[in-house]
Amino acid sequence: MDLSVNICGMQCQSPVAMASGNAGYGIEYPSVYGFSNKDVGAVFLKGTTLEPKLGNKPERVMESPSGLLNSVGLQNPGAREVIEKYLPQLNMSDTQYIINVSGSSIEEYAEVVRLFDQTALPAMEINISCPNVKKGGAAFGNDPEMAARVVEACRANTTKPLIVKLSPNQTDIAEGARRVIDAGADALSAINTLMGMQIDVHSRKPTLGNNQGGLSGPAIKPVALLKVHQVYQVAKQHNVPIIGLGGIASAEDAIEFFLAGASMVAIGTAVAKDPLIVKKVNKGIAKYMQQHGYNSVAEMTGKLQLNTDTVLCG
């Protein structure tokens, strides 16, 4: 089966990507586990800011029922070091490597985009939805006006495709999607983590050093599916593809996202449990396509058939 998908002109040999933060800067994972572009259609590299960041104080990652809470806080060496040290080590024929751009101001986002515009990376993911940082992140993603301003500033500094990562914590994600599309987004990632907290009843303190963090894993999949479907109602009018993510841990999960409106999916938390899961998901998608007569992944996108005489909230 042909599992290839085209996202903003990028030909991805698999419809399954690795979400940002799970493969670092793309060096360690392939050296340990190995993969081809038929296994992993794209790797979203770690969130990167203009200057180095130490991240949040520990604890940073805690297990939660059906998922993980993380509060890493965008620890990274800064854009210039990533460009000078890490990108030259990547084999660009392995897959589509996409940088995840973060910042604490509109100007910072724009400058990081300007720097990566001069590299061989084919696209950038604009992270306006990280709930783990005190400045930037979700503060932009939850405000459609601010989100649009960030994207507009980034758009002015590059002709590369911009994939905007949407926050599920905003009041109206469909309106947020419309605003960033109008501002210049070429594709959308939906969704980022949900905000959450865990408490140690003995110390009576949050288990995370940052008090709160991002909840990921199977627990958030129902929310992610609804958000993708809501975003799809806007995105399809502008021919803007969606990369769906949030709790995907099987081929069936991925197929649900395709039906809800995603053109591609990304796997995050499940990779920590099973580093080879992407290969298994690809096989499952191919089997489903063969069983149901689909010739391409694109034929599945948005084919959700809602029950009649009911109202979908949102």
C-alpha atoms as a PDB file:
ATOM      1  CA  MET A   1       0.000   0.000   0.000  1.00  0.00           C
ATOM      2  CA  ASP A   2       1.146   3.545  -0.750  1.00  0.00           C
ATOM      3  CA  LEU A   3       1.178   5.341   2.605  1.00  0.00           C
ATOM      4  CA  SER A   4       2.781   8.540   1.346  1.00  0.00           C
ATOM      5  CA  VAL A   5       1.206  11.926   2.063  1.00  0.00           C
ATOM      6  CA  ASN A   6       1.951  15.401   0.798  1.00  0.00           C
ATOM      7  CA  ILE A   7       2.055  18.107   3.449  1.00  0.00           C
ATOM      8  CA  CYS A   8       2.645  21.624   2.143  1.00  0.00           C
ATOM      9  CA  GLY A   9       4.741  20.309  -0.732  1.00  0.00           C
ATOM     10  CA  MET A  10       6.741  17.934   1.482  1.00  0.00           C
ATOM     11  CA  GLN A  11       6.456  14.374   0.228  1.00  0.00           C
ATOM     12  CA  CYS A  12       6.342  12.164   3.320  1.00  0.00           C
ATOM     13  CA  GLN A  13       6.683   8.438   2.654  1.00  0.00           C
ATOM     14  CA  SER A  14       4.719   7.589   5.810  1.00  0.00           C
ATOM     15  CA  PRO A  15       1.686   9.342   7.325  1.00  0.00           C
ATOM     16  CA  VAL A  16       3.163   8.802  10.797  1.00  0.00           C
ATOM     17  CA  ALA A  17       5.490  11.405  12.319  1.00  0.00           C
ATOM     18  CA  MET A  18       7.301  11.660  15.638  1.00  0.00           C
ATOM     19  CA  ALA A  19       6.013  14.560  17.723  1.00  0.00           C
ATOM     20  CA  SER A  20       8.353  17.258  18.989  1.00  0.00           C
ATOM     21  CA  GLY A  21      10.354  16.396  22.085  1.00  0.00           C
ATOM     22  CA  ASN A  22      10.432  12.643  21.543  1.00  0.00           C
ATOM     23  CA  ALA A  23      13.453  12.326  19.286  1.00  0.00           C
ATOM     24  CA  GLY A  24      15.487  15.283  20.553  1.00  0.00           C
ATOM     25  CA  TYR A  25      17.341  16.774  17.608  1.00  0.00           C
ATOM     26  CA  GLY A  26      16.992  13.616  15.545  1.00  0.00           C
ATOM     27  CA  ILE A  27      20.425  12.179  16.258  1.00  0.00           C
ATOM     28  CA  GLU A  28      20.062   9.619  19.051  1.00  0.00           C
ATOM     29  CA  TYR A  29      16.890   7.824  17.990  1.00  0.00           C
ATOM     30  CA  PRO A  30      17.958   6.632  14.508  1.00  0.00           C
ATOM     31  CA  SER A  31      21.410   5.665  15.776  1.00  0.00           C
ATOM     32  CA  VAL A  32      19.852   3.360  18.388  1.00  0.00           C
ATOM     33  CA  TYR A  33      16.695   2.061  16.718  1.00  0.00           C
ATOM     34  CA  GLY A  34      17.147   2.956  13.077  1.00  0.00           C
ATOM     35  CA  PHE A  35      14.354   3.996  10.743  1.00  0.00           C
ATOM     36  CA  SER A  36      13.745   4.785   7.112  1.00  0.00           C
ATOM     37  CA  ASN A  37      11.564   7.485   5.621  1.00  0.00           C
ATOM     38  CA  LYS A  38       8.975   4.753   4.986  1.00  0.00           C
ATOM     39  CA  ASP A  39       8.770   4.222   8.756  1.00  0.00           C
ATOM     40  CA  VAL A  40       8.685   7.831   9.915  1.00  0.00           C
ATOM     41  CA  GLY A  41       7.284  10.425   7.543  1.00  0.00           C
ATOM     42  CA  ALA A  42       8.619  13.366   9.558  1.00  0.00           C
ATOM     43  CA  VAL A  43      10.450  14.090  12.787  1.00  0.00           C
ATOM     44  CA  PHE A  44       9.473  17.231  14.646  1.00  0.00           C
ATOM     45  CA  LEU A  45      12.642  18.315  16.413  1.00  0.00           C
ATOM     46  CA  LYS A  46      12.812  19.587  19.972  1.00  0.00           C
ATOM     47  CA  GLY A  47      11.342  22.982  20.855  1.00  0.00           C
ATOM     48  CA  THR A  48      14.003  25.651  20.306  1.00  0.00           C
ATOM     49  CA  THR A  49      14.286  29.229  21.533  1.00  0.00           C
ATOM     50  CA  LEU A  50      16.628  32.026  20.533  1.00  0.00           C
ATOM     51  CA  GLU A  51      18.882  31.747  23.586  1.00  0.00           C
ATOM     52  CA  PRO A  52      19.693  28.611  25.621  1.00  0.00           C
ATOM     53  CA  LYS A  53      17.161  27.592  28.273  1.00  0.00           C
ATOM     54  CA  LEU A  54      17.799  25.412  31.312  1.00  0.00           C
ATOM     55  CA  GLY A  55      14.136  24.473  31.578  1.00  0.00           C
ATOM     56  CA  ASN A  56      12.056  23.994  34.706  1.00  0.00           C
ATOM     57  CA  LYS A  57      13.271  22.656  38.024  1.00  0.00           C
ATOM     58  CA  PRO A  58      12.617  18.962  38.799  1.00  0.00           C
ATOM     59  CA  GLU A  59      10.580  16.938  38.944  1.00  0.00           C
ATOM     60  CA  ARG A  60       9.843  17.355  35.246  1.00  0.00           C
ATOM     61  CA  VAL A  61       8.061  14.177  34.190  1.00  0.00           C
ATOM     62  CA  MET A  62       5.550  12.163  36.195  1.00  0.00           C
ATOM     63  CA  GLU A  63       3.399   9.200  35.265  1.00  0.00           C
ATOM     64  CA  SER A  64      -0.334   9.720  35.359  1.00  0.00           C
ATOM     65  CA  PRO A  65      -3.208   7.291  34.763  1.00  0.00           C
ATOM     66  CA  SER A  66      -3.256   6.689  30.991  1.00  0.00           C
ATOM     67  CA  GLY A  67      -0.518   9.212  30.289  1.00  0.00           C
ATOM     68  CA  LEU A  68       2.294  11.487  31.355  1.00  0.00           C
ATOM     69  CA  LEU A  69       2.575  14.915  32.913  1.00  0.00           C
ATOM     70  CA  ASN A  70       5.620  16.776  31.685  1.00  0.00           C
ATOM     71  CA  SER A  71       7.068  20.121  32.611  1.00  0.00           C
ATOM     72  CA  VAL A  72      10.456  20.149  30.908  1.00  0.00           C
ATOM     73  CA  GLY A  73      10.165  23.853  30.171  1.00  0.00           C
ATOM     74  CA  LEU A  74      11.733  23.924  26.708  1.00  0.00           C
ATOM     75  CA  GLN A  75      15.263  23.079  27.815  1.00  0.00           C
ATOM     76  CA  ASN A  76      17.435  23.597  24.735  1.00  0.00           C
ATOM     77  CA  PRO A  77      20.863  24.927  23.687  1.00  0.00           C
ATOM     78  CA  GLY A  78      19.496  27.844  21.647  1.00  0.00           C
ATOM     79  CA  ALA A  79      18.845  28.231  17.938  1.00  0.00           C
ATOM     80  CA  ARG A  80      22.383  29.084  16.859  1.00  0.00           C
ATOM     81  CA  GLU A  81      23.931  26.033  18.511  1.00  0.00           C
ATOM     82  CA  VAL A  82      21.237  23.785  17.064  1.00  0.00           C
ATOM     83  CA  ILE A  83      22.028  25.134  13.603  1.00  0.00           C
ATOM     84  CA  GLU A  84      25.793  24.905  14.001  1.00  0.00           C
ATOM     85  CA  LYS A  85      26.125  21.671  15.986  1.00  0.00           C
ATOM     86  CA  TYR A  86      23.083  19.447  15.506  1.00  0.00           C
ATOM     87  CA  LEU A  87      21.671  20.063  12.034  1.00  0.00           C
ATOM     88  CA  PRO A  88      24.947  19.165  10.239  1.00  0.00           C
ATOM     89  CA  GLN A  89      24.712  15.685  11.828  1.00  0.00           C
ATOM     90  CA  LEU A  90      21.316  14.958  10.266  1.00  0.00           C
ATOM     91  CA  ASN A  91      20.942  12.960   7.076  1.00  0.00           C
ATOM     92  CA  MET A  92      18.228  14.909   5.317  1.00  0.00           C
ATOM     93  CA  SER A  93      17.365  11.882   3.175  1.00  0.00           C
ATOM     94  CA  ASP A  94      16.270   9.940   6.284  1.00  0.00           C
ATOM     95  CA  THR A  95      12.975  11.778   6.628  1.00  0.00           C
ATOM     96  CA  GLN A  96      11.483  15.275   6.745  1.00  0.00           C
ATOM     97  CA  TYR A  97      13.073  17.035   9.723  1.00  0.00           C
ATOM     98  CA  ILE A  98      11.002  19.963  11.017  1.00  0.00           C
ATOM     99  CA  ILE A  99      12.158  22.365  13.727  1.00  0.00           C
ATOM    100  CA  ASN A 100       9.815  23.352  16.539  1.00  0.00           C
ATOM    101  CA  VAL A 101      10.095  27.102  17.152  1.00  0.00           C
ATOM    102  CA  SER A 102       9.312  28.596  20.562  1.00  0.00           C
ATOM    103  CA  GLY A 103       9.742  31.974  22.200  1.00  0.00           C
ATOM    104  CA  SER A 104       8.746  34.360  24.958  1.00  0.00           C
ATOM    105  CA  SER A 105       7.987  37.306  22.669  1.00  0.00           C
ATOM    106  CA  ILE A 106       6.762  37.904  19.147  1.00  0.00           C
ATOM    107  CA  GLU A 107      10.170  39.290  18.230  1.00  0.00           C
ATOM    108  CA  GLU A 108      11.903  36.156  19.499  1.00  0.00           C
ATOM    109  CA  TYR A 109       9.689  33.873  17.457  1.00  0.00           C
ATOM    110  CA  ALA A 110      10.382  35.941  14.353  1.00  0.00           C
ATOM    111  CA  GLU A 111      14.150  35.897  14.893  1.00  0.00           C
ATOM    112  CA  VAL A 112      14.303  32.138  15.459  1.00  0.00           C
ATOM    113  CA  VAL A 113      12.336  31.646  12.239  1.00  0.00           C
ATOM    114  CA  ARG A 114      14.740  33.961  10.402  1.00  0.00           C
ATOM    115  CA  LEU A 115      17.710  31.886  11.565  1.00  0.00           C
ATOM    116  CA  PHE A 116      16.179  28.549  10.557  1.00  0.00           C
ATOM    117  CA  ASP A 117      15.042  29.983   7.236  1.00  0.00           C
ATOM    118  CA  GLN A 118      18.708  29.862   6.219  1.00  0.00           C
ATOM    119  CA  THR A 119      18.982  26.094   6.856  1.00  0.00           C
ATOM    120  CA  ALA A 120      18.108  23.009   4.814  1.00  0.00           C
ATOM    121  CA  LEU A 121      15.119  22.144   6.998  1.00  0.00           C
ATOM    122  CA  PRO A 122      11.985  22.014   4.818  1.00  0.00           C
ATOM    123  CA  ALA A 123       9.482  23.502   7.290  1.00  0.00           C
ATOM    124  CA  MET A 124       8.964  24.895  10.786  1.00  0.00           C
ATOM    125  CA  GLU A 125       6.427  24.139  13.491  1.00  0.00           C
ATOM    126  CA  ILE A 126       5.450  27.245  15.453  1.00  0.00           C
ATOM    127  CA  ASN A 127       4.794  26.251  19.052  1.00  0.00           C
ATOM    128  CA  ILE A 128       2.361  28.797  20.456  1.00  0.00           C
ATOM    129  CA  SER A 129       0.768  26.306  22.824  1.00  0.00           C
ATOM    130  CA  CYS A 130       3.283  25.003  25.368  1.00  0.00           C
ATOM    131  CA  PRO A 131       1.708  24.984  28.867  1.00  0.00           C
ATOM    132  CA  ASN A 132       5.050  24.463  30.625  1.00  0.00           C
ATOM    133  CA  VAL A 133       6.630  27.916  30.376  1.00  0.00           C
ATOM    134  CA  LYS A 134       5.755  31.044  32.309  1.00  0.00           C
ATOM    135  CA  LYS A 135       6.421  33.428  29.414  1.00  0.00           C
ATOM    136  CA  GLY A 136       5.200  32.751  25.901  1.00  0.00           C
ATOM    137  CA  GLY A 137       3.782  29.365  24.949  1.00  0.00           C
ATOM    138  CA  ALA A 138       0.163  28.996  25.958  1.00  0.00           C
ATOM    139  CA  ALA A 139      -0.058  32.706  26.719  1.00  0.00           C
ATOM    140  CA  PHE A 140       0.066  33.234  22.946  1.00  0.00           C
ATOM    141  CA  GLY A 141      -1.829  30.118  21.872  1.00  0.00           C
ATOM    142  CA  ASN A 142      -4.860  30.758  24.053  1.00  0.00           C
ATOM    143  CA  ASP A 143      -5.359  34.269  22.649  1.00  0.00           C
ATOM    144  CA  PRO A 144      -6.329  34.183  18.931  1.00  0.00           C
ATOM    145  CA  GLU A 145      -5.174  37.774  18.400  1.00  0.00           C
ATOM    146  CA  MET A 146      -1.744  37.130  19.907  1.00  0.00           C
ATOM    147  CA  ALA A 147      -1.446  33.832  18.048  1.00  0.00           C
ATOM    148  CA  ALA A 148      -2.164  35.579  14.759  1.00  0.00           C
ATOM    149  CA  ARG A 149       0.438  38.240  15.498  1.00  0.00           C
ATOM    150  CA  VAL A 150       3.076  35.590  16.199  1.00  0.00           C
ATOM    151  CA  VAL A 151       2.325  33.777  12.950  1.00  0.00           C
ATOM    152  CA  GLU A 152       2.241  37.011  10.968  1.00  0.00           C
ATOM    153  CA  ALA A 153       5.702  37.969  12.290  1.00  0.00           C
ATOM    154  CA  CYS A 154       7.078  34.528  11.506  1.00  0.00           C
ATOM    155  CA  ARG A 155       5.538  34.564   8.032  1.00  0.00           C
ATOM    156  CA  ALA A 156       7.396  37.780   7.249  1.00  0.00           C
ATOM    157  CA  ASN A 157      10.734  36.043   7.898  1.00  0.00           C
ATOM    158  CA  THR A 158      10.411  32.895   5.813  1.00  0.00           C
ATOM    159  CA  THR A 159       8.915  31.360   2.704  1.00  0.00           C
ATOM    160  CA  LYS A 160       9.153  27.872   4.202  1.00  0.00           C
ATOM    161  CA  PRO A 161       5.903  26.166   5.249  1.00  0.00           C
ATOM    162  CA  LEU A 162       4.730  27.144   8.730  1.00  0.00           C
ATOM    163  CA  ILE A 163       2.905  24.498  10.760  1.00  0.00           C
ATOM    164  CA  VAL A 164       1.175  26.113  13.729  1.00  0.00           C
ATOM    165  CA  LYS A 165       0.706  23.951  16.837  1.00  0.00           C
ATOM    166  CA  LEU A 166      -2.650  24.737  18.388  1.00  0.00           C
ATOM    167  CA  SER A 167      -3.488  24.828  22.077  1.00  0.00           C
ATOM    168  CA  PRO A 168      -6.493  22.741  23.184  1.00  0.00           C
ATOM    169  CA  ASN A 169      -6.894  25.078  26.155  1.00  0.00           C
ATOM    170  CA  GLN A 170      -8.252  28.013  24.129  1.00  0.00           C
ATOM    171  CA  THR A 171     -11.946  28.841  24.272  1.00  0.00           C
ATOM    172  CA  ASP A 172     -12.689  28.358  20.561  1.00  0.00           C
ATOM    173  CA  ILE A 173     -10.055  26.310  18.739  1.00  0.00           C
ATOM    174  CA  ALA A 174     -11.844  26.650  15.387  1.00  0.00           C
ATOM    175  CA  GLU A 175     -11.648  30.444  15.619  1.00  0.00           C
ATOM    176  CA  GLY A 176      -8.019  30.178  16.698  1.00  0.00           C
ATOM    177  CA  ALA A 177      -7.321  28.040  13.647  1.00  0.00           C
ATOM    178  CA  ARG A 178      -9.028  30.534  11.343  1.00  0.00           C
ATOM    179  CA  ARG A 179      -6.988  33.424  12.717  1.00  0.00           C
ATOM    180  CA  VAL A 180      -3.611  31.726  12.276  1.00  0.00           C
ATOM    181  CA  ILE A 181      -4.549  30.552   8.779  1.00  0.00           C
ATOM    182  CA  ASP A 182      -5.415  34.128   7.849  1.00  0.00           C
ATOM    183  CA  ALA A 183      -2.050  35.194   9.327  1.00  0.00           C
ATOM    184  CA  GLY A 184      -0.097  32.812   7.106  1.00  0.00           C
ATOM    185  CA  ALA A 185      -0.163  29.282   8.545  1.00  0.00           C
ATOM    186  CA  ASP A 186       0.314  26.588   5.880  1.00  0.00           C
ATOM    187  CA  ALA A 187      -0.658  23.665   8.126  1.00  0.00           C
ATOM    188  CA  LEU A 188      -1.876  23.019  11.662  1.00  0.00           C
ATOM    189  CA  SER A 189      -0.819  20.621  14.425  1.00  0.00           C
ATOM    190  CA  ALA A 190      -3.687  19.660  16.713  1.00  0.00           C
ATOM    191  CA  ILE A 191      -3.354  19.310  19.574  1.00  0.00           C
ATOM    192  CA  ASN A 192      -0.681  20.135  22.111  1.00  0.00           C
ATOM    193  CA  THR A 193      -0.907  18.833  25.662  1.00  0.00           C
ATOM    194  CA  LEU A 194      -3.700  19.676  28.088  1.00  0.00           C
ATOM    195  CA  MET A 195      -2.822  21.561  31.252  1.00  0.00           C
ATOM    196  CA  GLY A 196      -2.797  19.363  34.341  1.00  0.00           C
ATOM    197  CA  MET A 197      -1.553  18.851  37.887  1.00  0.00           C
ATOM    198  CA  GLN A 198      -0.710  15.973  40.188  1.00  0.00           C
ATOM    199  CA  ILE A 199      -0.505  16.225  43.987  1.00  0.00           C
ATOM    200  CA  ASP A 200       1.503  14.219  46.518  1.00  0.00           C
ATOM    201  CA  VAL A 201      -0.978  13.761  49.353  1.00  0.00           C
ATOM    202  CA  HIS A 202       1.780  13.147  51.906  1.00  0.00           C
ATOM    203  CA  SER A 203       3.746  16.340  51.256  1.00  0.00           C
ATOM    204  CA  ARG A 204       0.594  18.167  50.117  1.00  0.00           C
ATOM    205  CA  LYS A 205       2.593  19.604  47.221  1.00  0.00           C
ATOM    206  CA  PRO A 206       2.403  19.223  43.438  1.00  0.00           C
ATOM    207  CA  THR A 207       4.653  16.436  42.179  1.00  0.00           C
ATOM    208  CA  LEU A 208       6.010  18.652  39.390  1.00  0.00           C
ATOM    209  CA  GLY A 209       8.564  21.278  40.273  1.00  0.00           C
ATOM    210  CA  ASN A 210       6.693  23.747  38.088  1.00  0.00           C
ATOM    211  CA  ASN A 211       3.412  22.845  39.875  1.00  0.00           C
ATOM    212  CA  GLN A 212       1.603  22.225  36.591  1.00  0.00           C
ATOM    213  CA  GLY A 213       2.484  20.630  33.286  1.00  0.00           C
ATOM    214  CA  GLY A 214       1.219  19.203  30.054  1.00  0.00           C
ATOM    215  CA  LEU A 215      -0.869  16.030  30.107  1.00  0.00           C
ATOM    216  CA  SER A 216      -0.279  13.698  27.179  1.00  0.00           C
ATOM    217  CA  GLY A 217      -0.994  10.077  26.327  1.00  0.00           C
ATOM    218  CA  PRO A 218      -4.189   8.023  25.822  1.00  0.00           C
ATOM    219  CA  ALA A 219      -6.086  10.064  28.415  1.00  0.00           C
ATOM    220  CA  ILE A 220      -6.315  13.053  26.055  1.00  0.00           C
ATOM    221  CA  LYS A 221      -7.242  11.233  22.832  1.00  0.00           C
ATOM    222  CA  PRO A 222     -11.018  11.876  23.022  1.00  0.00           C
ATOM    223  CA  VAL A 223     -10.348  15.597  23.491  1.00  0.00           C
ATOM    224  CA  ALA A 224      -7.830  15.622  20.654  1.00  0.00           C
ATOM    225  CA  LEU A 225     -10.218  13.905  18.250  1.00  0.00           C
ATOM    226  CA  LEU A 226     -12.965  16.433  18.939  1.00  0.00           C
ATOM    227  CA  LYS A 227     -10.555  19.351  18.515  1.00  0.00           C
ATOM    228  CA  VAL A 228      -9.209  17.962  15.233  1.00  0.00           C
ATOM    229  CA  HIS A 229     -12.749  17.597  13.901  1.00  0.00           C
ATOM    230  CA  GLN A 230     -13.564  21.176  14.922  1.00  0.00           C
ATOM    231  CA  VAL A 231     -10.392  22.523  13.325  1.00  0.00           C
ATOM    232  CA  TYR A 232     -11.058  20.509  10.165  1.00  0.00           C
ATOM    233  CA  GLN A 233     -14.294  22.390   9.572  1.00  0.00           C
ATOM    234  CA  VAL A 234     -12.210  25.544   9.132  1.00  0.00           C
ATOM    235  CA  ALA A 235      -9.040  24.103   7.609  1.00  0.00           C
ATOM    236  CA  LYS A 236     -10.769  22.266   4.756  1.00  0.00           C
ATOM    237  CA  GLN A 237     -12.201  25.565   3.485  1.00  0.00           C
ATOM    238  CA  HIS A 238      -8.643  26.840   2.998  1.00  0.00           C
ATOM    239  CA  ASN A 239      -7.101  23.538   1.860  1.00  0.00           C
ATOM    240  CA  VAL A 240      -4.862  23.569   4.943  1.00  0.00           C
ATOM    241  CA  PRO A 241      -3.718  20.122   6.167  1.00  0.00           C
ATOM    242  CA  ILE A 242      -3.850  19.034   9.809  1.00  0.00           C
ATOM    243  CA  ILE A 243      -1.284  16.912  11.634  1.00  0.00           C
ATOM    244  CA  GLY A 244      -3.299  15.152  14.320  1.00  0.00           C
ATOM    245  CA  LEU A 245      -1.788  14.140  17.639  1.00  0.00           C
ATOM    246  CA  GLY A 246      -2.818  13.434  21.176  1.00  0.00           C
ATOM    247  CA  GLY A 247      -2.791   9.971  22.694  1.00  0.00           C
ATOM    248  CA  ILE A 248      -2.134   7.945  19.539  1.00  0.00           C
ATOM    249  CA  ALA A 249      -0.843   4.497  20.513  1.00  0.00           C
ATOM    250  CA  SER A 250      -2.107   2.195  17.738  1.00  0.00           C
ATOM    251  CA  ALA A 251      -3.070   2.065  14.083  1.00  0.00           C
ATOM    252  CA  GLU A 252      -6.728   2.301  15.089  1.00  0.00           C
ATOM    253  CA  ASP A 253      -6.009   5.517  16.978  1.00  0.00           C
ATOM    254  CA  ALA A 254      -4.275   6.973  13.921  1.00  0.00           C
ATOM    255  CA  ILE A 255      -7.171   6.015  11.649  1.00  0.00           C
ATOM    256  CA  GLU A 256      -9.614   7.770  13.978  1.00  0.00           C
ATOM    257  CA  PHE A 257      -7.606  10.968  13.506  1.00  0.00           C
ATOM    258  CA  PHE A 258      -7.621  10.583   9.722  1.00  0.00           C
ATOM    259  CA  LEU A 259     -11.389  10.167   9.738  1.00  0.00           C
ATOM    260  CA  ALA A 260     -11.757  13.222  11.996  1.00  0.00           C
ATOM    261  CA  GLY A 261      -9.830  15.352   9.503  1.00  0.00           C
ATOM    262  CA  ALA A 262      -6.091  14.804   9.885  1.00  0.00           C
ATOM    263  CA  SER A 263      -3.893  14.363   6.821  1.00  0.00           C
ATOM    264  CA  MET A 264      -0.992  13.062   8.915  1.00  0.00           C
ATOM    265  CA  VAL A 265      -0.546  11.966  12.529  1.00  0.00           C
ATOM    266  CA  ALA A 266       2.251  12.366  15.063  1.00  0.00           C
ATOM    267  CA  ILE A 267       3.071  10.045  17.943  1.00  0.00           C
ATOM    268  CA  GLY A 268       4.569  11.294  21.188  1.00  0.00           C
ATOM    269  CA  THR A 269       4.098   9.622  24.563  1.00  0.00           C
ATOM    270  CA  ALA A 270       3.629   6.130  23.076  1.00  0.00           C
ATOM    271  CA  VAL A 271       7.172   6.263  21.671  1.00  0.00           C
ATOM    272  CA  ALA A 272       8.538   6.353  25.219  1.00  0.00           C
ATOM    273  CA  LYS A 273       6.732   3.095  25.952  1.00  0.00           C
ATOM    274  CA  ASP A 274       7.516   1.419  22.632  1.00  0.00           C
ATOM    275  CA  PRO A 275      10.262   3.080  20.546  1.00  0.00           C
ATOM    276  CA  LEU A 276       9.328   0.929  17.528  1.00  0.00           C
ATOM    277  CA  ILE A 277       5.629   1.719  17.593  1.00  0.00           C
ATOM    278  CA  VAL A 278       5.752   3.821  14.411  1.00  0.00           C
ATOM    279  CA  LYS A 279       6.506   0.728  12.326  1.00  0.00           C
ATOM    280  CA  LYS A 280       3.606  -1.146  13.892  1.00  0.00           C
ATOM    281  CA  VAL A 281       1.218   1.734  13.270  1.00  0.00           C
ATOM    282  CA  ASN A 282       2.214   1.897   9.602  1.00  0.00           C
ATOM    283  CA  LYS A 283       1.505  -1.805   9.164  1.00  0.00           C
ATOM    284  CA  GLY A 284      -1.880  -1.445  10.806  1.00  0.00           C
ATOM    285  CA  ILE A 285      -2.833   1.513   8.602  1.00  0.00           C
ATOM    286  CA  ALA A 286      -1.851  -0.404   5.463  1.00  0.00           C
ATOM    287  CA  LYS A 287      -3.940  -3.398   6.565  1.00  0.00           C
ATOM    288  CA  TYR A 288      -6.974  -1.196   7.233  1.00  0.00           C
ATOM    289  CA  MET A 289      -6.647   0.503   3.841  1.00  0.00           C
ATOM    290  CA  GLN A 290      -6.508  -2.849   2.087  1.00  0.00           C
ATOM    291  CA  GLN A 291      -9.544  -4.134   3.973  1.00  0.00           C
ATOM    292  CA  HIS A 292     -11.643  -1.041   3.247  1.00  0.00           C
ATOM    293  CA  GLY A 293     -10.554  -0.329  -0.316  1.00  0.00           C
ATOM    294  CA  TYR A 294      -8.608   2.878   0.259  1.00  0.00           C
ATOM    295  CA  ASN A 295      -5.833   3.613  -2.236  1.00  0.00           C
ATOM    296  CA  SER A 296      -4.323   6.478  -0.265  1.00  0.00           C
ATOM    297  CA  VAL A 297      -4.349   7.970   3.200  1.00  0.00           C
ATOM    298  CA  ALA A 298      -5.830  11.154   1.721  1.00  0.00           C
ATOM    299  CA  GLU A 299      -8.982   9.225   0.838  1.00  0.00           C
ATOM    300  CA  MET A 300      -9.615   8.685   4.565  1.00  0.00           C
ATOM    301  CA  THR A 301      -9.194  12.300   5.638  1.00  0.00           C
ATOM    302  CA  GLY A 302     -12.399  13.826   6.957  1.00  0.00           C
ATOM    303  CA  LYS A 303     -14.572  10.797   6.161  1.00  0.00           C
ATOM    304  CA  LEU A 304     -16.201  10.815   9.597  1.00  0.00           C
ATOM    305  CA  GLN A 305     -19.945  10.267   9.294  1.00  0.00           C
ATOM    306  CA  LEU A 306     -21.721  11.959  12.179  1.00  0.00           C
ATOM    307  CA  ASN A 307     -24.853  10.438  13.629  1.00  0.00           C
ATOM    308  CA  THR A 308     -27.930  12.212  12.304  1.00  0.00           C
ATOM    309  CA  ASP A 309     -30.301  14.377  14.340  1.00  0.00           C
ATOM    310  CA  THR A 310     -27.584  15.179  16.886  1.00  0.00           C
ATOM    311  CA  VAL A 311     -25.521  18.282  17.553  1.00  0.00           C
ATOM    312  CA  LEU A 312     -21.748  18.207  17.888  1.00  0.00           C
ATOM    313  CA  CYS A 313     -20.791  20.746  20.514  1.00  0.00           C
ATOM    314  CA  GLY A 314     -18.170  23.368  19.791  1.00  0.00           C
END
